[in-house]
Amino acid sequence: MIPENVEIFTTEGEKQFYRFLESVAKPNSQYIAWYTPDLKGKEPDFILFGDKIGLIVFEVKDWALEQIREANPQHFILSMGGKTKSRKNPFQIIIIGKPPALLEVIECMEIVSFAV
């Protein structure tokens, strides 16, 4: 996992997912995993790359299914602490959407992996 031995996480969900990836997708010749890499100003929560699985970008949300009141391509409407809140759709947050962006991610991943 890049970086290794993270102690402070943005959310509890990210901490749990980090520990999950550490145990399941152990860094070896088959997998490379990054936690919050800075990719030209974008910062997905996790990126996992493997020869057989390809590239997967994860955007972790600490939402329970019962909190989701409505979802559309732009926003999720959530019930949180007795209040209704609007959050940007995670698919709008992740960086991959168009083929040129994918090439930028791969280019940045190479820079990140060699910088660590």
PDB file of N, CA and C in Angstrom:
ATOM      1  N   MET A   1       0.859  -1.176   0.000  1.00  0.00           N
ATOM      2  CA  MET A   1       0.000   0.000   0.000  1.00  0.00           C
ATOM      3  C   MET A   1       0.900   1.232   0.000  1.00  0.00           C
ATOM      4  N   ILE A   2       0.554   2.180  -0.798  1.00  0.00           N
ATOM      5  CA  ILE A   2       1.302   3.431  -0.865  1.00  0.00           C
ATOM      6  C   ILE A   2       0.353   4.538  -0.428  1.00  0.00           C
ATOM      7  N   PRO A   3       0.665   5.266   0.635  1.00  0.00           N
ATOM      8  CA  PRO A   3       1.786   5.088   1.558  1.00  0.00           C
ATOM      9  C   PRO A   3       1.504   3.967   2.563  1.00  0.00           C
ATOM     10  N   GLU A   4       2.566   3.505   3.180  1.00  0.00           N
ATOM     11  CA  GLU A   4       2.456   2.452   4.189  1.00  0.00           C
ATOM     12  C   GLU A   4       2.217   3.069   5.564  1.00  0.00           C
ATOM     13  N   ASN A   5       1.647   2.291   6.456  1.00  0.00           N
ATOM     14  CA  ASN A   5       1.501   2.649   7.862  1.00  0.00           C
ATOM     15  C   ASN A   5       0.817   3.997   8.096  1.00  0.00           C
ATOM     16  N   VAL A   6      -0.315   4.208   7.466  1.00  0.00           N
ATOM     17  CA  VAL A   6      -1.085   5.436   7.666  1.00  0.00           C
ATOM     18  C   VAL A   6      -1.729   5.382   9.044  1.00  0.00           C
ATOM     19  N   GLU A   7      -1.639   6.462   9.785  1.00  0.00           N
ATOM     20  CA  GLU A   7      -2.212   6.521  11.129  1.00  0.00           C
ATOM     21  C   GLU A   7      -3.465   7.388  11.192  1.00  0.00           C
ATOM     22  N   ILE A   8      -3.548   8.417  10.327  1.00  0.00           N
ATOM     23  CA  ILE A   8      -4.672   9.346  10.354  1.00  0.00           C
ATOM     24  C   ILE A   8      -5.451   9.225   9.056  1.00  0.00           C
ATOM     25  N   PHE A   9      -6.762   9.014   9.190  1.00  0.00           N
ATOM     26  CA  PHE A   9      -7.640   8.847   8.046  1.00  0.00           C
ATOM     27  C   PHE A   9      -8.703   9.942   8.050  1.00  0.00           C
ATOM     28  N   THR A  10      -9.209  10.259   6.878  1.00  0.00           N
ATOM     29  CA  THR A  10     -10.257  11.270   6.763  1.00  0.00           C
ATOM     30  C   THR A  10     -11.550  10.778   7.399  1.00  0.00           C
ATOM     31  N   THR A  11     -11.890   9.502   7.180  1.00  0.00           N
ATOM     32  CA  THR A  11     -13.114   8.937   7.749  1.00  0.00           C
ATOM     33  C   THR A  11     -12.837   7.531   8.287  1.00  0.00           C
ATOM     34  N   GLU A  12     -13.731   7.054   9.120  1.00  0.00           N
ATOM     35  CA  GLU A  12     -13.621   5.687   9.644  1.00  0.00           C
ATOM     36  C   GLU A  12     -13.753   4.676   8.510  1.00  0.00           C
ATOM     37  N   GLY A  13     -14.602   4.981   7.533  1.00  0.00           N
ATOM     38  CA  GLY A  13     -14.780   4.096   6.383  1.00  0.00           C
ATOM     39  C   GLY A  13     -13.496   3.934   5.591  1.00  0.00           C
ATOM     40  N   GLU A  14     -12.752   5.024   5.419  1.00  0.00           N
ATOM     41  CA  GLU A  14     -11.474   4.939   4.711  1.00  0.00           C
ATOM     42  C   GLU A  14     -10.474   4.101   5.499  1.00  0.00           C
ATOM     43  N   LYS A  15     -10.485   4.239   6.806  1.00  0.00           N
ATOM     44  CA  LYS A  15      -9.600   3.435   7.656  1.00  0.00           C
ATOM     45  C   LYS A  15      -9.915   1.946   7.500  1.00  0.00           C
ATOM     46  N   GLN A  16     -11.201   1.601   7.544  1.00  0.00           N
ATOM     47  CA  GLN A  16     -11.605   0.207   7.411  1.00  0.00           C
ATOM     48  C   GLN A  16     -11.260  -0.338   6.027  1.00  0.00           C
ATOM     49  N   PHE A  17     -11.464   0.464   4.987  1.00  0.00           N
ATOM     50  CA  PHE A  17     -11.175   0.007   3.627  1.00  0.00           C
ATOM     51  C   PHE A  17      -9.669  -0.140   3.413  1.00  0.00           C
ATOM     52  N   TYR A  18      -8.875   0.742   4.003  1.00  0.00           N
ATOM     53  CA  TYR A  18      -7.413   0.650   3.946  1.00  0.00           C
ATOM     54  C   TYR A  18      -6.960  -0.677   4.550  1.00  0.00           C
ATOM     55  N   ARG A  19      -7.488  -0.982   5.733  1.00  0.00           N
ATOM     56  CA  ARG A  19      -7.128  -2.245   6.404  1.00  0.00           C
ATOM     57  C   ARG A  19      -7.575  -3.455   5.561  1.00  0.00           C
ATOM     58  N   PHE A  20      -8.748  -3.351   4.942  1.00  0.00           N
ATOM     59  CA  PHE A  20      -9.244  -4.414   4.069  1.00  0.00           C
ATOM     60  C   PHE A  20      -8.287  -4.630   2.894  1.00  0.00           C
ATOM     61  N   LEU A  21      -7.922  -3.551   2.212  1.00  0.00           N
ATOM     62  CA  LEU A  21      -7.004  -3.696   1.076  1.00  0.00           C
ATOM     63  C   LEU A  21      -5.642  -4.240   1.516  1.00  0.00           C
ATOM     64  N   GLU A  22      -5.180  -3.810   2.678  1.00  0.00           N
ATOM     65  CA  GLU A  22      -3.909  -4.330   3.198  1.00  0.00           C
ATOM     66  C   GLU A  22      -3.955  -5.845   3.353  1.00  0.00           C
ATOM     67  N   SER A  23      -5.092  -6.355   3.810  1.00  0.00           N
ATOM     68  CA  SER A  23      -5.177  -7.796   4.068  1.00  0.00           C
ATOM     69  C   SER A  23      -5.518  -8.620   2.831  1.00  0.00           C
ATOM     70  N   VAL A  24      -6.276  -8.046   1.893  1.00  0.00           N
ATOM     71  CA  VAL A  24      -6.737  -8.809   0.738  1.00  0.00           C
ATOM     72  C   VAL A  24      -5.848  -8.612  -0.487  1.00  0.00           C
ATOM     73  N   ALA A  25      -5.547  -7.379  -0.804  1.00  0.00           N
ATOM     74  CA  ALA A  25      -4.737  -7.076  -1.995  1.00  0.00           C
ATOM     75  C   ALA A  25      -3.328  -6.733  -1.541  1.00  0.00           C
ATOM     76  N   LYS A  26      -2.726  -7.686  -0.902  1.00  0.00           N
ATOM     77  CA  LYS A  26      -1.387  -7.466  -0.358  1.00  0.00           C
ATOM     78  C   LYS A  26      -0.436  -7.042  -1.467  1.00  0.00           C
ATOM     79  N   PRO A  27       0.309  -5.967  -1.203  1.00  0.00           N
ATOM     80  CA  PRO A  27       1.248  -5.529  -2.233  1.00  0.00           C
ATOM     81  C   PRO A  27       2.239  -6.645  -2.569  1.00  0.00           C
ATOM     82  N   ASN A  28       2.217  -7.021  -3.795  1.00  0.00           N
ATOM     83  CA  ASN A  28       3.157  -8.005  -4.293  1.00  0.00           C
ATOM     84  C   ASN A  28       3.287  -7.782  -5.780  1.00  0.00           C
ATOM     85  N   SER A  29       3.735  -8.757  -6.502  1.00  0.00           N
ATOM     86  CA  SER A  29       3.928  -8.575  -7.940  1.00  0.00           C
ATOM     87  C   SER A  29       2.606  -8.450  -8.688  1.00  0.00           C
ATOM     88  N   GLN A  30       1.473  -8.793  -8.043  1.00  0.00           N
ATOM     89  CA  GLN A  30       0.180  -8.740  -8.726  1.00  0.00           C
ATOM     90  C   GLN A  30      -0.601  -7.451  -8.484  1.00  0.00           C
ATOM     91  N   TYR A  31      -0.408  -6.786  -7.348  1.00  0.00           N
ATOM     92  CA  TYR A  31      -1.222  -5.625  -6.991  1.00  0.00           C
ATOM     93  C   TYR A  31      -0.375  -4.450  -6.527  1.00  0.00           C
ATOM     94  N   ILE A  32      -0.875  -3.265  -6.860  1.00  0.00           N
ATOM     95  CA  ILE A  32      -0.336  -2.025  -6.311  1.00  0.00           C
ATOM     96  C   ILE A  32      -1.554  -1.233  -5.855  1.00  0.00           C
ATOM     97  N   ALA A  33      -1.532  -0.715  -4.634  1.00  0.00           N
ATOM     98  CA  ALA A  33      -2.652   0.055  -4.109  1.00  0.00           C
ATOM     99  C   ALA A  33      -2.143   1.390  -3.567  1.00  0.00           C
ATOM    100  N   TRP A  34      -2.920   2.441  -3.839  1.00  0.00           N
ATOM    101  CA  TRP A  34      -2.598   3.788  -3.371  1.00  0.00           C
ATOM    102  C   TRP A  34      -3.749   4.310  -2.539  1.00  0.00           C
ATOM    103  N   TYR A  35      -3.417   5.030  -1.455  1.00  0.00           N
ATOM    104  CA  TYR A  35      -4.415   5.705  -0.636  1.00  0.00           C
ATOM    105  C   TYR A  35      -4.273   7.207  -0.851  1.00  0.00           C
ATOM    106  N   THR A  36      -5.322   7.856  -1.226  1.00  0.00           N
ATOM    107  CA  THR A  36      -5.432   9.282  -1.510  1.00  0.00           C
ATOM    108  C   THR A  36      -4.262   9.856  -2.322  1.00  0.00           C
ATOM    109  N   PRO A  37      -3.995   9.264  -3.473  1.00  0.00           N
ATOM    110  CA  PRO A  37      -2.938   9.847  -4.304  1.00  0.00           C
ATOM    111  C   PRO A  37      -3.392  11.190  -4.879  1.00  0.00           C
ATOM    112  N   ASP A  38      -2.481  12.133  -4.984  1.00  0.00           N
ATOM    113  CA  ASP A  38      -2.796  13.426  -5.591  1.00  0.00           C
ATOM    114  C   ASP A  38      -2.520  13.305  -7.078  1.00  0.00           C
ATOM    115  N   LEU A  39      -3.575  13.340  -7.866  1.00  0.00           N
ATOM    116  CA  LEU A  39      -3.453  13.178  -9.304  1.00  0.00           C
ATOM    117  C   LEU A  39      -3.904  14.457 -10.000  1.00  0.00           C
ATOM    118  N   LYS A  40      -2.968  15.361 -10.155  1.00  0.00           N
ATOM    119  CA  LYS A  40      -3.254  16.643 -10.821  1.00  0.00           C
ATOM    120  C   LYS A  40      -4.434  17.355 -10.173  1.00  0.00           C
ATOM    121  N   GLY A  41      -4.410  17.423  -8.848  1.00  0.00           N
ATOM    122  CA  GLY A  41      -5.458  18.127  -8.121  1.00  0.00           C
ATOM    123  C   GLY A  41      -6.661  17.288  -7.743  1.00  0.00           C
ATOM    124  N   LYS A  42      -6.800  16.106  -8.301  1.00  0.00           N
ATOM    125  CA  LYS A  42      -7.880  15.195  -7.928  1.00  0.00           C
ATOM    126  C   LYS A  42      -7.324  14.239  -6.891  1.00  0.00           C
ATOM    127  N   GLU A  43      -8.161  13.800  -5.981  1.00  0.00           N
ATOM    128  CA  GLU A  43      -7.682  12.901  -4.932  1.00  0.00           C
ATOM    129  C   GLU A  43      -8.706  11.803  -4.647  1.00  0.00           C
ATOM    130  N   PRO A  44      -8.682  10.740  -5.464  1.00  0.00           N
ATOM    131  CA  PRO A  44      -9.583   9.620  -5.161  1.00  0.00           C
ATOM    132  C   PRO A  44      -9.153   8.981  -3.845  1.00  0.00           C
ATOM    133  N   ASP A  45     -10.075   8.293  -3.193  1.00  0.00           N
ATOM    134  CA  ASP A  45      -9.728   7.660  -1.916  1.00  0.00           C
ATOM    135  C   ASP A  45      -8.713   6.540  -2.107  1.00  0.00           C
ATOM    136  N   PHE A  46      -8.974   5.654  -3.064  1.00  0.00           N
ATOM    137  CA  PHE A  46      -8.081   4.518  -3.296  1.00  0.00           C
ATOM    138  C   PHE A  46      -7.993   4.209  -4.785  1.00  0.00           C
ATOM    139  N   ILE A  47      -6.844   3.723  -5.190  1.00  0.00           N
ATOM    140  CA  ILE A  47      -6.661   3.165  -6.531  1.00  0.00           C
ATOM    141  C   ILE A  47      -5.996   1.813  -6.351  1.00  0.00           C
ATOM    142  N   LEU A  48      -6.523   0.817  -7.037  1.00  0.00           N
ATOM    143  CA  LEU A  48      -5.956  -0.528  -7.011  1.00  0.00           C
ATOM    144  C   LEU A  48      -5.642  -0.923  -8.441  1.00  0.00           C
ATOM    145  N   PHE A  49      -4.445  -1.425  -8.652  1.00  0.00           N
ATOM    146  CA  PHE A  49      -4.053  -1.889  -9.978  1.00  0.00           C
ATOM    147  C   PHE A  49      -3.505  -3.299  -9.876  1.00  0.00           C
ATOM    148  N   GLY A  50      -3.955  -4.145 -10.780  1.00  0.00           N
ATOM    149  CA  GLY A  50      -3.452  -5.508 -10.867  1.00  0.00           C
ATOM    150  C   GLY A  50      -3.425  -5.942 -12.316  1.00  0.00           C
ATOM    151  N   ASP A  51      -2.446  -6.753 -12.661  1.00  0.00           N
ATOM    152  CA  ASP A  51      -2.317  -7.217 -14.041  1.00  0.00           C
ATOM    153  C   ASP A  51      -3.593  -7.882 -14.549  1.00  0.00           C
ATOM    154  N   LYS A  52      -4.249  -8.656 -13.693  1.00  0.00           N
ATOM    155  CA  LYS A  52      -5.428  -9.407 -14.122  1.00  0.00           C
ATOM    156  C   LYS A  52      -6.738  -8.646 -13.935  1.00  0.00           C
ATOM    157  N   ILE A  53      -6.752  -7.650 -13.044  1.00  0.00           N
ATOM    158  CA  ILE A  53      -7.992  -6.917 -12.772  1.00  0.00           C
ATOM    159  C   ILE A  53      -8.019  -5.533 -13.402  1.00  0.00           C
ATOM    160  N   GLY A  54      -6.876  -5.017 -13.786  1.00  0.00           N
ATOM    161  CA  GLY A  54      -6.816  -3.676 -14.368  1.00  0.00           C
ATOM    162  C   GLY A  54      -6.779  -2.617 -13.283  1.00  0.00           C
ATOM    163  N   LEU A  55      -7.351  -1.474 -13.584  1.00  0.00           N
ATOM    164  CA  LEU A  55      -7.330  -0.308 -12.702  1.00  0.00           C
ATOM    165  C   LEU A  55      -8.713  -0.084 -12.110  1.00  0.00           C
ATOM    166  N   ILE A  56      -8.781   0.027 -10.777  1.00  0.00           N
ATOM    167  CA  ILE A  56     -10.048   0.278 -10.095  1.00  0.00           C
ATOM    168  C   ILE A  56      -9.865   1.495  -9.194  1.00  0.00           C
ATOM    169  N   VAL A  57     -10.779   2.451  -9.292  1.00  0.00           N
ATOM    170  CA  VAL A  57     -10.767   3.641  -8.442  1.00  0.00           C
ATOM    171  C   VAL A  57     -11.916   3.502  -7.449  1.00  0.00           C
ATOM    172  N   PHE A  58     -11.614   3.701  -6.157  1.00  0.00           N
ATOM    173  CA  PHE A  58     -12.622   3.593  -5.101  1.00  0.00           C
ATOM    174  C   PHE A  58     -12.831   4.955  -4.454  1.00  0.00           C
ATOM    175  N   GLU A  59     -14.064   5.355  -4.319  1.00  0.00           N
ATOM    176  CA  GLU A  59     -14.446   6.552  -3.567  1.00  0.00           C
ATOM    177  C   GLU A  59     -15.289   6.053  -2.404  1.00  0.00           C
ATOM    178  N   VAL A  60     -14.735   6.076  -1.195  1.00  0.00           N
ATOM    179  CA  VAL A  60     -15.381   5.508  -0.013  1.00  0.00           C
ATOM    180  C   VAL A  60     -16.336   6.535   0.600  1.00  0.00           C
ATOM    181  N   LYS A  61     -17.549   6.092   0.883  1.00  0.00           N
ATOM    182  CA  LYS A  61     -18.551   6.923   1.548  1.00  0.00           C
ATOM    183  C   LYS A  61     -18.994   6.217   2.818  1.00  0.00           C
ATOM    184  N   ASP A  62     -19.102   6.967   3.885  1.00  0.00           N
ATOM    185  CA  ASP A  62     -19.541   6.418   5.169  1.00  0.00           C
ATOM    186  C   ASP A  62     -21.052   6.579   5.325  1.00  0.00           C
ATOM    187  N   TRP A  63     -21.788   6.154   4.336  1.00  0.00           N
ATOM    188  CA  TRP A  63     -23.237   6.248   4.362  1.00  0.00           C
ATOM    189  C   TRP A  63     -23.818   4.859   4.553  1.00  0.00           C
ATOM    190  N   ALA A  64     -24.890   4.798   5.309  1.00  0.00           N
ATOM    191  CA  ALA A  64     -25.655   3.559   5.428  1.00  0.00           C
ATOM    192  C   ALA A  64     -26.759   3.601   4.377  1.00  0.00           C
ATOM    193  N   LEU A  65     -27.115   2.458   3.854  1.00  0.00           N
ATOM    194  CA  LEU A  65     -28.124   2.370   2.815  1.00  0.00           C
ATOM    195  C   LEU A  65     -29.428   3.064   3.228  1.00  0.00           C
ATOM    196  N   GLU A  66     -29.807   2.918   4.492  1.00  0.00           N
ATOM    197  CA  GLU A  66     -31.063   3.528   4.945  1.00  0.00           C
ATOM    198  C   GLU A  66     -30.993   5.056   5.022  1.00  0.00           C
ATOM    199  N   GLN A  67     -29.803   5.639   4.942  1.00  0.00           N
ATOM    200  CA  GLN A  67     -29.672   7.098   4.935  1.00  0.00           C
ATOM    201  C   GLN A  67     -29.979   7.704   3.561  1.00  0.00           C
ATOM    202  N   ILE A  68     -29.912   6.926   2.509  1.00  0.00           N
ATOM    203  CA  ILE A  68     -30.108   7.446   1.161  1.00  0.00           C
ATOM    204  C   ILE A  68     -31.603   7.602   0.889  1.00  0.00           C
ATOM    205  N   ARG A  69     -32.012   8.834   0.666  1.00  0.00           N
ATOM    206  CA  ARG A  69     -33.412   9.143   0.380  1.00  0.00           C
ATOM    207  C   ARG A  69     -33.672   9.255  -1.116  1.00  0.00           C
ATOM    208  N   GLU A  70     -32.676   9.731  -1.842  1.00  0.00           N
ATOM    209  CA  GLU A  70     -32.827   9.931  -3.278  1.00  0.00           C
ATOM    210  C   GLU A  70     -31.431   9.948  -3.902  1.00  0.00           C
ATOM    211  N   ALA A  71     -31.355   9.490  -5.134  1.00  0.00           N
ATOM    212  CA  ALA A  71     -30.076   9.506  -5.850  1.00  0.00           C
ATOM    213  C   ALA A  71     -30.341   9.825  -7.316  1.00  0.00           C
ATOM    214  N   ASN A  72     -29.496  10.669  -7.868  1.00  0.00           N
ATOM    215  CA  ASN A  72     -29.551  10.954  -9.296  1.00  0.00           C
ATOM    216  C   ASN A  72     -28.116  11.097  -9.789  1.00  0.00           C
ATOM    217  N   PRO A  73     -27.894  11.294 -11.054  1.00  0.00           N
ATOM    218  CA  PRO A  73     -26.512  11.359 -11.550  1.00  0.00           C
ATOM    219  C   PRO A  73     -25.661  12.482 -10.940  1.00  0.00           C
ATOM    220  N   GLN A  74     -26.296  13.533 -10.415  1.00  0.00           N
ATOM    221  CA  GLN A  74     -25.534  14.641  -9.850  1.00  0.00           C
ATOM    222  C   GLN A  74     -25.394  14.590  -8.330  1.00  0.00           C
ATOM    223  N   HIS A  75     -26.457  14.187  -7.616  1.00  0.00           N
ATOM    224  CA  HIS A  75     -26.455  14.272  -6.154  1.00  0.00           C
ATOM    225  C   HIS A  75     -27.131  13.076  -5.490  1.00  0.00           C
ATOM    226  N   PHE A  76     -26.774  12.903  -4.224  1.00  0.00           N
ATOM    227  CA  PHE A  76     -27.476  11.986  -3.333  1.00  0.00           C
ATOM    228  C   PHE A  76     -28.123  12.846  -2.261  1.00  0.00           C
ATOM    229  N   ILE A  77     -29.357  12.566  -1.925  1.00  0.00           N
ATOM    230  CA  ILE A  77     -30.038  13.230  -0.818  1.00  0.00           C
ATOM    231  C   ILE A  77     -30.013  12.236   0.337  1.00  0.00           C
ATOM    232  N   LEU A  78     -29.426  12.679   1.467  1.00  0.00           N
ATOM    233  CA  LEU A  78     -29.225  11.786   2.607  1.00  0.00           C
ATOM    234  C   LEU A  78     -29.934  12.307   3.843  1.00  0.00           C
ATOM    235  N   SER A  79     -30.356  11.399   4.693  1.00  0.00           N
ATOM    236  CA  SER A  79     -30.879  11.730   6.004  1.00  0.00           C
ATOM    237  C   SER A  79     -29.748  11.468   6.993  1.00  0.00           C
ATOM    238  N   MET A  80     -29.240  12.556   7.590  1.00  0.00           N
ATOM    239  CA  MET A  80     -28.087  12.433   8.492  1.00  0.00           C
ATOM    240  C   MET A  80     -28.349  13.242   9.764  1.00  0.00           C
ATOM    241  N   GLY A  81     -28.408  12.549  10.875  1.00  0.00           N
ATOM    242  CA  GLY A  81     -28.614  13.226  12.150  1.00  0.00           C
ATOM    243  C   GLY A  81     -29.916  14.005  12.220  1.00  0.00           C
ATOM    244  N   GLY A  82     -30.962  13.470  11.596  1.00  0.00           N
ATOM    245  CA  GLY A  82     -32.254  14.139  11.619  1.00  0.00           C
ATOM    246  C   GLY A  82     -32.392  15.252  10.604  1.00  0.00           C
ATOM    247  N   LYS A  83     -31.349  15.494   9.807  1.00  0.00           N
ATOM    248  CA  LYS A  83     -31.388  16.542   8.788  1.00  0.00           C
ATOM    249  C   LYS A  83     -31.228  15.925   7.408  1.00  0.00           C
ATOM    250  N   THR A  84     -31.752  16.612   6.424  1.00  0.00           N
ATOM    251  CA  THR A  84     -31.594  16.185   5.037  1.00  0.00           C
ATOM    252  C   THR A  84     -30.418  16.954   4.438  1.00  0.00           C
ATOM    253  N   LYS A  85     -29.488  16.203   3.844  1.00  0.00           N
ATOM    254  CA  LYS A  85     -28.298  16.822   3.265  1.00  0.00           C
ATOM    255  C   LYS A  85     -28.095  16.330   1.846  1.00  0.00           C
ATOM    256  N   SER A  86     -27.582  17.206   1.011  1.00  0.00           N
ATOM    257  CA  SER A  86     -27.273  16.852  -0.371  1.00  0.00           C
ATOM    258  C   SER A  86     -25.762  16.660  -0.491  1.00  0.00           C
ATOM    259  N   ARG A  87     -25.370  15.572  -1.126  1.00  0.00           N
ATOM    260  CA  ARG A  87     -23.952  15.286  -1.359  1.00  0.00           C
ATOM    261  C   ARG A  87     -23.757  14.988  -2.837  1.00  0.00           C
ATOM    262  N   LYS A  88     -22.626  15.388  -3.353  1.00  0.00           N
ATOM    263  CA  LYS A  88     -22.315  15.127  -4.750  1.00  0.00           C
ATOM    264  C   LYS A  88     -22.249  13.621  -4.989  1.00  0.00           C
ATOM    265  N   ASN A  89     -22.800  13.179  -6.112  1.00  0.00           N
ATOM    266  CA  ASN A  89     -22.758  11.767  -6.477  1.00  0.00           C
ATOM    267  C   ASN A  89     -21.298  11.320  -6.560  1.00  0.00           C
ATOM    268  N   PRO A  90     -20.943  10.205  -5.910  1.00  0.00           N
ATOM    269  CA  PRO A  90     -19.557   9.732  -5.957  1.00  0.00           C
ATOM    270  C   PRO A  90     -19.025   9.537  -7.377  1.00  0.00           C
ATOM    271  N   PHE A  91     -19.895   9.217  -8.313  1.00  0.00           N
ATOM    272  CA  PHE A  91     -19.446   9.049  -9.693  1.00  0.00           C
ATOM    273  C   PHE A  91     -19.009  10.375 -10.297  1.00  0.00           C
ATOM    274  N   GLN A  92     -19.479  11.481  -9.735  1.00  0.00           N
ATOM    275  CA  GLN A  92     -19.042  12.797 -10.185  1.00  0.00           C
ATOM    276  C   GLN A  92     -17.694  13.160  -9.568  1.00  0.00           C
ATOM    277  N   ILE A  93     -17.373  12.512  -8.467  1.00  0.00           N
ATOM    278  CA  ILE A  93     -16.142  12.815  -7.738  1.00  0.00           C
ATOM    279  C   ILE A  93     -14.951  12.066  -8.315  1.00  0.00           C
ATOM    280  N   ILE A  94     -15.150  10.793  -8.661  1.00  0.00           N
ATOM    281  CA  ILE A  94     -14.017  10.007  -9.131  1.00  0.00           C
ATOM    282  C   ILE A  94     -13.483  10.575 -10.430  1.00  0.00           C
ATOM    283  N   ILE A  95     -12.241  10.315 -10.692  1.00  0.00           N
ATOM    284  CA  ILE A  95     -11.540  10.997 -11.771  1.00  0.00           C
ATOM    285  C   ILE A  95     -11.671  10.338 -13.124  1.00  0.00           C
ATOM    286  N   ILE A  96     -12.113   9.099 -13.166  1.00  0.00           N
ATOM    287  CA  ILE A  96     -12.179   8.428 -14.454  1.00  0.00           C
ATOM    288  C   ILE A  96     -13.575   8.598 -15.021  1.00  0.00           C
ATOM    289  N   GLY A  97     -13.664   9.111 -16.200  1.00  0.00           N
ATOM    290  CA  GLY A  97     -14.941   9.283 -16.855  1.00  0.00           C
ATOM    291  C   GLY A  97     -14.762   9.309 -18.355  1.00  0.00           C
ATOM    292  N   LYS A  98     -13.617   9.760 -18.755  1.00  0.00           N
ATOM    293  CA  LYS A  98     -13.319   9.858 -20.177  1.00  0.00           C
ATOM    294  C   LYS A  98     -11.950   9.228 -20.413  1.00  0.00           C
ATOM    295  N   PRO A  99     -11.737   8.603 -21.531  1.00  0.00           N
ATOM    296  CA  PRO A  99     -10.456   7.940 -21.793  1.00  0.00           C
ATOM    297  C   PRO A  99      -9.212   8.807 -21.570  1.00  0.00           C
ATOM    298  N   PRO A 100      -9.195  10.105 -21.949  1.00  0.00           N
ATOM    299  CA  PRO A 100      -7.986  10.896 -21.676  1.00  0.00           C
ATOM    300  C   PRO A 100      -7.662  10.978 -20.193  1.00  0.00           C
ATOM    301  N   ALA A 101      -8.715  11.018 -19.335  1.00  0.00           N
ATOM    302  CA  ALA A 101      -8.476  11.071 -17.896  1.00  0.00           C
ATOM    303  C   ALA A 101      -7.788   9.801 -17.408  1.00  0.00           C
ATOM    304  N   LEU A 102      -8.156   8.666 -17.967  1.00  0.00           N
ATOM    305  CA  LEU A 102      -7.533   7.405 -17.592  1.00  0.00           C
ATOM    306  C   LEU A 102      -6.040   7.441 -17.885  1.00  0.00           C
ATOM    307  N   LEU A 103      -5.664   7.981 -19.013  1.00  0.00           N
ATOM    308  CA  LEU A 103      -4.239   8.079 -19.355  1.00  0.00           C
ATOM    309  C   LEU A 103      -3.518   8.988 -18.374  1.00  0.00           C
ATOM    310  N   GLU A 104      -4.168  10.079 -17.958  1.00  0.00           N
ATOM    311  CA  GLU A 104      -3.563  10.962 -16.965  1.00  0.00           C
ATOM    312  C   GLU A 104      -3.386  10.245 -15.633  1.00  0.00           C
ATOM    313  N   VAL A 105      -4.353   9.425 -15.242  1.00  0.00           N
ATOM    314  CA  VAL A 105      -4.259   8.674 -13.985  1.00  0.00           C
ATOM    315  C   VAL A 105      -3.055   7.739 -14.037  1.00  0.00           C
ATOM    316  N   ILE A 106      -2.921   6.995 -15.113  1.00  0.00           N
ATOM    317  CA  ILE A 106      -1.807   6.054 -15.242  1.00  0.00           C
ATOM    318  C   ILE A 106      -0.479   6.803 -15.214  1.00  0.00           C
ATOM    319  N   GLU A 107      -0.410   7.913 -15.896  1.00  0.00           N
ATOM    320  CA  GLU A 107       0.812   8.727 -15.908  1.00  0.00           C
ATOM    321  C   GLU A 107       1.144   9.207 -14.499  1.00  0.00           C
ATOM    322  N   CYS A 108       0.135   9.710 -13.777  1.00  0.00           N
ATOM    323  CA  CYS A 108       0.347  10.193 -12.416  1.00  0.00           C
ATOM    324  C   CYS A 108       0.692   9.061 -11.470  1.00  0.00           C
ATOM    325  N   MET A 109       0.086   7.885 -11.660  1.00  0.00           N
ATOM    326  CA  MET A 109       0.378   6.732 -10.804  1.00  0.00           C
ATOM    327  C   MET A 109       1.844   6.375 -10.894  1.00  0.00           C
ATOM    328  N   GLU A 110       2.403   6.435 -12.094  1.00  0.00           N
ATOM    329  CA  GLU A 110       3.824   6.133 -12.261  1.00  0.00           C
ATOM    330  C   GLU A 110       4.659   7.126 -11.468  1.00  0.00           C
ATOM    331  N   ILE A 111       4.281   8.402 -11.522  1.00  0.00           N
ATOM    332  CA  ILE A 111       5.011   9.425 -10.778  1.00  0.00           C
ATOM    333  C   ILE A 111       4.892   9.168  -9.281  1.00  0.00           C
ATOM    334  N   VAL A 112       3.677   8.881  -8.802  1.00  0.00           N
ATOM    335  CA  VAL A 112       3.445   8.635  -7.375  1.00  0.00           C
ATOM    336  C   VAL A 112       4.227   7.419  -6.906  1.00  0.00           C
ATOM    337  N   SER A 113       4.205   6.335  -7.683  1.00  0.00           N
ATOM    338  CA  SER A 113       4.872   5.116  -7.244  1.00  0.00           C
ATOM    339  C   SER A 113       6.384   5.275  -7.190  1.00  0.00           C
ATOM    340  N   PHE A 114       6.932   6.090  -8.057  1.00  0.00           N
ATOM    341  CA  PHE A 114       8.375   6.286  -8.028  1.00  0.00           C
ATOM    342  C   PHE A 114       8.786   7.332  -7.002  1.00  0.00           C
ATOM    343  N   ALA A 115       7.834   8.214  -6.608  1.00  0.00           N
ATOM    344  CA  ALA A 115       8.155   9.259  -5.644  1.00  0.00           C
ATOM    345  C   ALA A 115       8.169   8.730  -4.219  1.00  0.00           C
ATOM    346  N   VAL A 116       7.525   7.601  -3.965  1.00  0.00           N
ATOM    347  CA  VAL A 116       7.428   7.074  -2.609  1.00  0.00           C
ATOM    348  C   VAL A 116       8.610   6.199  -2.289  1.00  0.00           C
TER     349      VAL A 116
END
